[in-house]
Amino acid sequence: GGLEKFDVIMNYGDEGTAFTGGDFWKDPEIVSAVKSFVYNGGGFIGIGEPTSVRYQGKFFQLSDVLGVEEEKGNTALYLRYNTETKREHFILADAEKEIDYAGDRRNIYAKEGATILDAYYDDSLPAGSDNCNVRCAVNSFGKGRSFYMTGMRYNAENTRLLYRALLWTSGKENELYRAFSTNVNTECRYYPESGKYAVASNVGEKTETVFYDVNGKAEKLALAPFEIKWIG
């Protein structure tokens, strides 16, 4: 109990680490609670090897929620039919550069019903077999949504990608343009007690952005290097 007060659960890390949870994912009560949370409208974000433990023929214990699984030999003889990439998505709308996954994790495949947003295709293997290595994907589970990514190096573009993923998995895409700055190299912070906004530049050069207040009203701003501009 208690998960209902959250919008999104995130599980990030590699197999065998405290970050992913390890053997705790063998506990049916934990698995059931998280699945119920997502099924009833919650969001789930998995990065790396989320919910990973080798148990009952699965590796990602929430693979049905995530819509992806990592091949560990359990399903090596199965053909993969879900291999098409559909890059256009709310989460990737600001990803103009190549996404930095902080490495090249292989053997992640999409289950039926999931949508692959980005993948690496191994041309040495026949199409439709194991040549599609998923890099990021989205999935629906009941009333809820999930997003998976093989890894995420910290940078401005990935920070924006993660923010969009949080909004999408929680079903709040329409709240993007509220207390928001369009330039990925800037940030916007709203202080409701004072009604003020802080729009900050994170780069050492002049930059421009479009700032949106909590009501969605837009204003163009020019920022000096590393400037914090107060509004309101």
C-alpha atoms as a PDB file:
ATOM      1  CA  GLY A   1       0.000   0.000   0.000  1.00  0.00           C
ATOM      2  CA  GLY A   2       0.924   3.661  -0.215  1.00  0.00           C
ATOM      3  CA  LEU A   3       1.836   3.741  -3.903  1.00  0.00           C
ATOM      4  CA  GLU A   4      -1.363   5.573  -4.801  1.00  0.00           C
ATOM      5  CA  LYS A   5       0.128   8.886  -3.633  1.00  0.00           C
ATOM      6  CA  PHE A   6       2.720   8.731  -6.426  1.00  0.00           C
ATOM      7  CA  ASP A   7       2.351   9.377 -10.148  1.00  0.00           C
ATOM      8  CA  VAL A   8       5.348   7.390 -11.416  1.00  0.00           C
ATOM      9  CA  ILE A   9       7.692   4.699 -10.096  1.00  0.00           C
ATOM     10  CA  MET A  10      11.255   4.560 -11.449  1.00  0.00           C
ATOM     11  CA  ASN A  11      13.627   1.584 -11.315  1.00  0.00           C
ATOM     12  CA  TYR A  12      17.137   2.306 -12.610  1.00  0.00           C
ATOM     13  CA  GLY A  13      20.294   0.211 -12.496  1.00  0.00           C
ATOM     14  CA  ASP A  14      22.060  -3.029 -13.370  1.00  0.00           C
ATOM     15  CA  GLU A  15      21.406  -6.603 -12.335  1.00  0.00           C
ATOM     16  CA  GLY A  16      22.558  -7.463  -8.837  1.00  0.00           C
ATOM     17  CA  THR A  17      22.598  -3.910  -7.512  1.00  0.00           C
ATOM     18  CA  ALA A  18      20.588  -2.348  -4.708  1.00  0.00           C
ATOM     19  CA  PHE A  19      19.227   0.168  -7.211  1.00  0.00           C
ATOM     20  CA  THR A  20      17.171  -2.399  -9.120  1.00  0.00           C
ATOM     21  CA  GLY A  21      16.074  -4.397  -6.079  1.00  0.00           C
ATOM     22  CA  GLY A  22      17.501  -7.832  -6.840  1.00  0.00           C
ATOM     23  CA  ASP A  23      15.782 -10.678  -5.000  1.00  0.00           C
ATOM     24  CA  PHE A  24      13.037  -8.400  -3.705  1.00  0.00           C
ATOM     25  CA  TRP A  25      11.448  -8.847  -7.129  1.00  0.00           C
ATOM     26  CA  LYS A  26      10.879 -12.504  -6.243  1.00  0.00           C
ATOM     27  CA  ASP A  27       8.324 -11.341  -3.681  1.00  0.00           C
ATOM     28  CA  PRO A  28       4.844 -11.742  -5.233  1.00  0.00           C
ATOM     29  CA  GLU A  29       3.386  -9.041  -2.989  1.00  0.00           C
ATOM     30  CA  ILE A  30       5.851  -6.440  -4.282  1.00  0.00           C
ATOM     31  CA  VAL A  31       5.331  -7.461  -7.904  1.00  0.00           C
ATOM     32  CA  SER A  32       1.557  -7.481  -7.479  1.00  0.00           C
ATOM     33  CA  ALA A  33       1.526  -4.064  -5.791  1.00  0.00           C
ATOM     34  CA  VAL A  34       3.557  -2.399  -8.545  1.00  0.00           C
ATOM     35  CA  LYS A  35       1.577  -4.081 -11.318  1.00  0.00           C
ATOM     36  CA  SER A  36      -1.674  -3.000  -9.699  1.00  0.00           C
ATOM     37  CA  PHE A  37      -0.363   0.563  -9.393  1.00  0.00           C
ATOM     38  CA  VAL A  38       0.426   0.745 -13.113  1.00  0.00           C
ATOM     39  CA  TYR A  39      -2.663  -1.159 -14.238  1.00  0.00           C
ATOM     40  CA  ASN A  40      -4.858   1.360 -12.446  1.00  0.00           C
ATOM     41  CA  GLY A  41      -3.258   4.363 -14.117  1.00  0.00           C
ATOM     42  CA  GLY A  42       0.202   4.807 -12.620  1.00  0.00           C
ATOM     43  CA  GLY A  43       3.419   5.241 -14.562  1.00  0.00           C
ATOM     44  CA  PHE A  44       6.589   3.150 -14.564  1.00  0.00           C
ATOM     45  CA  ILE A  45      10.031   4.087 -15.891  1.00  0.00           C
ATOM     46  CA  GLY A  46      12.758   1.462 -16.174  1.00  0.00           C
ATOM     47  CA  ILE A  47      16.346   2.245 -17.158  1.00  0.00           C
ATOM     48  CA  GLY A  48      19.151  -0.273 -17.605  1.00  0.00           C
ATOM     49  CA  GLU A  49      18.099  -3.643 -16.196  1.00  0.00           C
ATOM     50  CA  PRO A  50      15.017  -2.691 -14.158  1.00  0.00           C
ATOM     51  CA  THR A  51      13.319  -5.277 -11.904  1.00  0.00           C
ATOM     52  CA  SER A  52      16.055  -7.709 -12.933  1.00  0.00           C
ATOM     53  CA  VAL A  53      16.531 -11.078 -11.281  1.00  0.00           C
ATOM     54  CA  ARG A  54      16.647 -14.509 -12.925  1.00  0.00           C
ATOM     55  CA  TYR A  55      13.483 -16.098 -11.633  1.00  0.00           C
ATOM     56  CA  GLN A  56      10.659 -18.232 -13.029  1.00  0.00           C
ATOM     57  CA  GLY A  57      11.922 -18.030 -16.598  1.00  0.00           C
ATOM     58  CA  LYS A  58      12.069 -14.233 -16.677  1.00  0.00           C
ATOM     59  CA  PHE A  59      14.782 -11.639 -16.196  1.00  0.00           C
ATOM     60  CA  PHE A  60      12.827  -8.380 -16.049  1.00  0.00           C
ATOM     61  CA  GLN A  61      10.165  -9.391 -13.543  1.00  0.00           C
ATOM     62  CA  LEU A  62       7.949  -6.574 -14.823  1.00  0.00           C
ATOM     63  CA  SER A  63       8.599  -7.283 -18.494  1.00  0.00           C
ATOM     64  CA  ASP A  64       4.855  -7.350 -19.144  1.00  0.00           C
ATOM     65  CA  VAL A  65       4.589  -3.834 -17.714  1.00  0.00           C
ATOM     66  CA  LEU A  66       7.678  -2.540 -19.524  1.00  0.00           C
ATOM     67  CA  GLY A  67       6.919  -4.280 -22.808  1.00  0.00           C
ATOM     68  CA  VAL A  68      10.565  -5.340 -23.143  1.00  0.00           C
ATOM     69  CA  GLU A  69      12.757  -8.172 -21.918  1.00  0.00           C
ATOM     70  CA  GLU A  70      16.473  -8.923 -21.925  1.00  0.00           C
ATOM     71  CA  GLU A  71      17.438 -12.188 -23.576  1.00  0.00           C
ATOM     72  CA  LYS A  72      19.222 -14.477 -21.127  1.00  0.00           C
ATOM     73  CA  GLY A  73      18.740 -17.717 -23.035  1.00  0.00           C
ATOM     74  CA  ASN A  74      15.168 -18.411 -21.958  1.00  0.00           C
ATOM     75  CA  THR A  75      13.595 -17.385 -25.270  1.00  0.00           C
ATOM     76  CA  ALA A  76      16.586 -17.498 -27.617  1.00  0.00           C
ATOM     77  CA  LEU A  77      14.787 -19.739 -30.134  1.00  0.00           C
ATOM     78  CA  TYR A  78      11.780 -17.431 -30.514  1.00  0.00           C
ATOM     79  CA  LEU A  79      11.471 -15.152 -33.526  1.00  0.00           C
ATOM     80  CA  ARG A  80      10.981 -11.444 -32.816  1.00  0.00           C
ATOM     81  CA  TYR A  81       8.092  -9.951 -34.761  1.00  0.00           C
ATOM     82  CA  ASN A  82       7.948  -6.573 -33.024  1.00  0.00           C
ATOM     83  CA  THR A  83      11.036  -4.949 -34.546  1.00  0.00           C
ATOM     84  CA  GLU A  84       9.793  -1.758 -36.202  1.00  0.00           C
ATOM     85  CA  THR A  85      10.937   1.591 -34.823  1.00  0.00           C
ATOM     86  CA  LYS A  86       8.486   4.487 -34.517  1.00  0.00           C
ATOM     87  CA  ARG A  87      10.594   7.474 -33.545  1.00  0.00           C
ATOM     88  CA  GLU A  88       7.878  10.143 -33.486  1.00  0.00           C
ATOM     89  CA  HIS A  89       6.662  10.351 -29.906  1.00  0.00           C
ATOM     90  CA  PHE A  90       5.984  12.947 -27.218  1.00  0.00           C
ATOM     91  CA  ILE A  91       8.953  11.721 -25.166  1.00  0.00           C
ATOM     92  CA  LEU A  92      11.483  12.198 -27.982  1.00  0.00           C
ATOM     93  CA  ALA A  93      10.085  15.467 -29.351  1.00  0.00           C
ATOM     94  CA  ASP A  94      13.084  17.504 -28.107  1.00  0.00           C
ATOM     95  CA  ALA A  95      15.720  14.854 -28.902  1.00  0.00           C
ATOM     96  CA  GLU A  96      17.330  16.566 -31.889  1.00  0.00           C
ATOM     97  CA  LYS A  97      20.757  14.999 -31.277  1.00  0.00           C
ATOM     98  CA  GLU A  98      21.711  11.338 -31.115  1.00  0.00           C
ATOM     99  CA  ILE A  99      20.570  10.026 -27.733  1.00  0.00           C
ATOM    100  CA  ASP A 100      23.444   9.178 -25.386  1.00  0.00           C
ATOM    101  CA  TYR A 101      22.613   5.876 -23.685  1.00  0.00           C
ATOM    102  CA  ALA A 102      25.925   5.777 -21.762  1.00  0.00           C
ATOM    103  CA  GLY A 103      26.894   2.553 -23.494  1.00  0.00           C
ATOM    104  CA  ASP A 104      25.475   0.046 -25.918  1.00  0.00           C
ATOM    105  CA  ARG A 105      23.411  -2.565 -24.096  1.00  0.00           C
ATOM    106  CA  ARG A 106      22.388  -5.421 -26.392  1.00  0.00           C
ATOM    107  CA  ASN A 107      19.840  -8.252 -26.363  1.00  0.00           C
ATOM    108  CA  ILE A 108      16.857  -6.146 -25.287  1.00  0.00           C
ATOM    109  CA  TYR A 109      13.808  -7.115 -27.323  1.00  0.00           C
ATOM    110  CA  ALA A 110      10.269  -5.749 -27.513  1.00  0.00           C
ATOM    111  CA  LYS A 111       7.259  -7.828 -26.618  1.00  0.00           C
ATOM    112  CA  GLU A 112       4.060  -7.729 -28.628  1.00  0.00           C
ATOM    113  CA  GLY A 113       2.130  -4.508 -28.074  1.00  0.00           C
ATOM    114  CA  ALA A 114       5.115  -2.368 -27.101  1.00  0.00           C
ATOM    115  CA  THR A 115       6.240   0.547 -29.275  1.00  0.00           C
ATOM    116  CA  ILE A 116       9.954   0.759 -30.073  1.00  0.00           C
ATOM    117  CA  LEU A 117      11.162   4.367 -30.161  1.00  0.00           C
ATOM    118  CA  ASP A 118      14.824   3.662 -30.896  1.00  0.00           C
ATOM    119  CA  ALA A 119      16.840   0.533 -31.623  1.00  0.00           C
ATOM    120  CA  TYR A 120      20.162  -0.749 -32.902  1.00  0.00           C
ATOM    121  CA  TYR A 121      19.905  -3.156 -35.827  1.00  0.00           C
ATOM    122  CA  ASP A 122      22.656  -5.732 -36.232  1.00  0.00           C
ATOM    123  CA  ASP A 123      23.014  -6.126 -40.000  1.00  0.00           C
ATOM    124  CA  SER A 124      25.016  -9.328 -39.579  1.00  0.00           C
ATOM    125  CA  LEU A 125      21.837 -11.115 -38.464  1.00  0.00           C
ATOM    126  CA  PRO A 126      18.711 -11.802 -40.531  1.00  0.00           C
ATOM    127  CA  ALA A 127      15.867  -9.308 -40.179  1.00  0.00           C
ATOM    128  CA  GLY A 128      13.196 -10.401 -37.725  1.00  0.00           C
ATOM    129  CA  SER A 129      15.498 -12.610 -35.661  1.00  0.00           C
ATOM    130  CA  ASP A 130      17.633 -11.074 -32.928  1.00  0.00           C
ATOM    131  CA  ASN A 131      18.931  -8.214 -35.057  1.00  0.00           C
ATOM    132  CA  CYS A 132      16.749  -5.589 -33.327  1.00  0.00           C
ATOM    133  CA  ASN A 133      18.257  -4.400 -30.053  1.00  0.00           C
ATOM    134  CA  VAL A 134      15.796  -2.052 -28.357  1.00  0.00           C
ATOM    135  CA  ARG A 135      17.241   1.147 -26.919  1.00  0.00           C
ATOM    136  CA  CYS A 136      14.031   2.761 -25.726  1.00  0.00           C
ATOM    137  CA  ALA A 137      10.373   1.816 -25.880  1.00  0.00           C
ATOM    138  CA  VAL A 138       6.957   2.623 -24.452  1.00  0.00           C
ATOM    139  CA  ASN A 139       4.138   0.338 -23.445  1.00  0.00           C
ATOM    140  CA  SER A 140       0.596   0.415 -22.095  1.00  0.00           C
ATOM    141  CA  PHE A 141      -0.454  -1.794 -19.203  1.00  0.00           C
ATOM    142  CA  GLY A 142      -4.098  -1.532 -18.242  1.00  0.00           C
ATOM    143  CA  LYS A 143      -4.782   2.165 -17.668  1.00  0.00           C
ATOM    144  CA  GLY A 144      -1.092   2.883 -17.039  1.00  0.00           C
ATOM    145  CA  ARG A 145       1.989   3.521 -19.141  1.00  0.00           C
ATOM    146  CA  SER A 146       5.658   2.590 -19.037  1.00  0.00           C
ATOM    147  CA  PHE A 147       8.884   3.828 -20.604  1.00  0.00           C
ATOM    148  CA  TYR A 148      12.109   1.832 -20.953  1.00  0.00           C
ATOM    149  CA  MET A 149      15.616   3.015 -21.813  1.00  0.00           C
ATOM    150  CA  THR A 150      18.854   0.998 -21.865  1.00  0.00           C
ATOM    151  CA  GLY A 151      20.840   3.757 -20.154  1.00  0.00           C
ATOM    152  CA  MET A 152      20.947   7.509 -19.706  1.00  0.00           C
ATOM    153  CA  ARG A 153      24.048   9.665 -19.488  1.00  0.00           C
ATOM    154  CA  TYR A 154      23.451  12.931 -17.667  1.00  0.00           C
ATOM    155  CA  ASN A 155      23.197  15.833 -20.102  1.00  0.00           C
ATOM    156  CA  ALA A 156      20.714  18.564 -20.991  1.00  0.00           C
ATOM    157  CA  GLU A 157      19.011  16.583 -23.749  1.00  0.00           C
ATOM    158  CA  ASN A 158      18.482  13.505 -21.578  1.00  0.00           C
ATOM    159  CA  THR A 159      17.224  15.625 -18.701  1.00  0.00           C
ATOM    160  CA  ARG A 160      14.507  16.967 -20.989  1.00  0.00           C
ATOM    161  CA  LEU A 161      13.814  13.469 -22.311  1.00  0.00           C
ATOM    162  CA  LEU A 162      13.341  12.178 -18.759  1.00  0.00           C
ATOM    163  CA  TYR A 163      11.048  15.088 -17.898  1.00  0.00           C
ATOM    164  CA  ARG A 164       8.907  14.300 -20.915  1.00  0.00           C
ATOM    165  CA  ALA A 165       8.910  10.607 -19.955  1.00  0.00           C
ATOM    166  CA  LEU A 166       7.660  11.486 -16.472  1.00  0.00           C
ATOM    167  CA  LEU A 167       4.835  13.548 -17.938  1.00  0.00           C
ATOM    168  CA  TRP A 168       3.885  10.913 -20.510  1.00  0.00           C
ATOM    169  CA  THR A 169       3.907   7.936 -18.141  1.00  0.00           C
ATOM    170  CA  SER A 170       1.774   9.885 -15.661  1.00  0.00           C
ATOM    171  CA  GLY A 171      -0.676  10.920 -18.400  1.00  0.00           C
ATOM    172  CA  LYS A 172       0.091  14.616 -17.959  1.00  0.00           C
ATOM    173  CA  GLU A 173       1.408  15.578 -21.392  1.00  0.00           C
ATOM    174  CA  ASN A 174      -0.940  18.564 -21.443  1.00  0.00           C
ATOM    175  CA  GLU A 175       0.991  20.063 -18.517  1.00  0.00           C
ATOM    176  CA  LEU A 176       4.261  20.372 -20.446  1.00  0.00           C
ATOM    177  CA  TYR A 177       3.842  24.065 -21.234  1.00  0.00           C
ATOM    178  CA  ARG A 178       3.315  25.147 -17.647  1.00  0.00           C
ATOM    179  CA  ALA A 179       6.239  26.727 -15.776  1.00  0.00           C
ATOM    180  CA  PHE A 180       8.397  25.586 -18.684  1.00  0.00           C
ATOM    181  CA  SER A 181      11.338  26.804 -20.759  1.00  0.00           C
ATOM    182  CA  THR A 182      11.642  25.419 -24.292  1.00  0.00           C
ATOM    183  CA  ASN A 183      15.436  25.553 -24.652  1.00  0.00           C
ATOM    184  CA  VAL A 184      16.919  22.311 -23.262  1.00  0.00           C
ATOM    185  CA  ASN A 185      19.935  24.281 -22.012  1.00  0.00           C
ATOM    186  CA  THR A 186      17.710  26.271 -19.668  1.00  0.00           C
ATOM    187  CA  GLU A 187      15.589  25.445 -16.643  1.00  0.00           C
ATOM    188  CA  CYS A 188      12.460  26.961 -15.154  1.00  0.00           C
ATOM    189  CA  ARG A 189      11.482  26.879 -11.497  1.00  0.00           C
ATOM    190  CA  TYR A 190       8.168  28.159 -10.142  1.00  0.00           C
ATOM    191  CA  TYR A 191       7.724  29.322  -6.540  1.00  0.00           C
ATOM    192  CA  PRO A 192       3.962  29.298  -5.849  1.00  0.00           C
ATOM    193  CA  GLU A 193       4.267  31.017  -2.458  1.00  0.00           C
ATOM    194  CA  SER A 194       5.640  34.172  -4.073  1.00  0.00           C
ATOM    195  CA  GLY A 195       4.266  33.676  -7.580  1.00  0.00           C
ATOM    196  CA  LYS A 196       7.770  34.115  -8.999  1.00  0.00           C
ATOM    197  CA  TYR A 197       9.669  32.128 -11.614  1.00  0.00           C
ATOM    198  CA  ALA A 198      13.404  31.577 -12.005  1.00  0.00           C
ATOM    199  CA  VAL A 199      14.577  30.851 -15.551  1.00  0.00           C
ATOM    200  CA  ALA A 200      18.234  29.795 -15.594  1.00  0.00           C
ATOM    201  CA  SER A 201      20.727  29.298 -18.393  1.00  0.00           C
ATOM    202  CA  ASN A 202      23.138  26.375 -18.015  1.00  0.00           C
ATOM    203  CA  VAL A 203      25.510  27.351 -20.831  1.00  0.00           C
ATOM    204  CA  GLY A 204      28.392  29.809 -21.077  1.00  0.00           C
ATOM    205  CA  GLU A 205      26.999  31.715 -24.036  1.00  0.00           C
ATOM    206  CA  LYS A 206      24.023  33.904 -24.830  1.00  0.00           C
ATOM    207  CA  THR A 207      20.898  31.903 -25.431  1.00  0.00           C
ATOM    208  CA  GLU A 208      17.209  32.387 -26.141  1.00  0.00           C
ATOM    209  CA  THR A 209      14.179  30.491 -24.968  1.00  0.00           C
ATOM    210  CA  VAL A 210      10.413  30.684 -24.753  1.00  0.00           C
ATOM    211  CA  PHE A 211       9.153  30.764 -21.174  1.00  0.00           C
ATOM    212  CA  TYR A 212       5.641  29.593 -20.227  1.00  0.00           C
ATOM    213  CA  ASP A 213       3.975  30.505 -16.948  1.00  0.00           C
ATOM    214  CA  VAL A 214       1.677  28.108 -15.061  1.00  0.00           C
ATOM    215  CA  ASN A 215      -1.268  29.268 -17.161  1.00  0.00           C
ATOM    216  CA  GLY A 216       0.516  28.555 -20.448  1.00  0.00           C
ATOM    217  CA  LYS A 217       1.210  32.193 -21.352  1.00  0.00           C
ATOM    218  CA  ALA A 218       4.369  32.417 -23.480  1.00  0.00           C
ATOM    219  CA  GLU A 219       7.160  34.995 -23.402  1.00  0.00           C
ATOM    220  CA  LYS A 220      10.429  35.086 -25.358  1.00  0.00           C
ATOM    221  CA  LEU A 221      13.528  35.554 -23.216  1.00  0.00           C
ATOM    222  CA  ALA A 222      17.175  36.310 -23.951  1.00  0.00           C
ATOM    223  CA  LEU A 223      19.612  35.047 -21.325  1.00  0.00           C
ATOM    224  CA  ALA A 224      23.244  35.955 -20.717  1.00  0.00           C
ATOM    225  CA  PRO A 225      25.739  33.131 -20.005  1.00  0.00           C
ATOM    226  CA  PHE A 226      24.657  31.279 -16.842  1.00  0.00           C
ATOM    227  CA  GLU A 227      22.106  33.982 -16.064  1.00  0.00           C
ATOM    228  CA  ILE A 228      19.165  33.423 -13.722  1.00  0.00           C
ATOM    229  CA  LYS A 229      16.270  35.676 -14.682  1.00  0.00           C
ATOM    230  CA  TRP A 230      13.497  36.260 -12.160  1.00  0.00           C
ATOM    231  CA  ILE A 231       9.978  36.818 -13.454  1.00  0.00           C
ATOM    232  CA  GLY A 232       6.871  37.873 -11.563  1.00  0.00           C
END
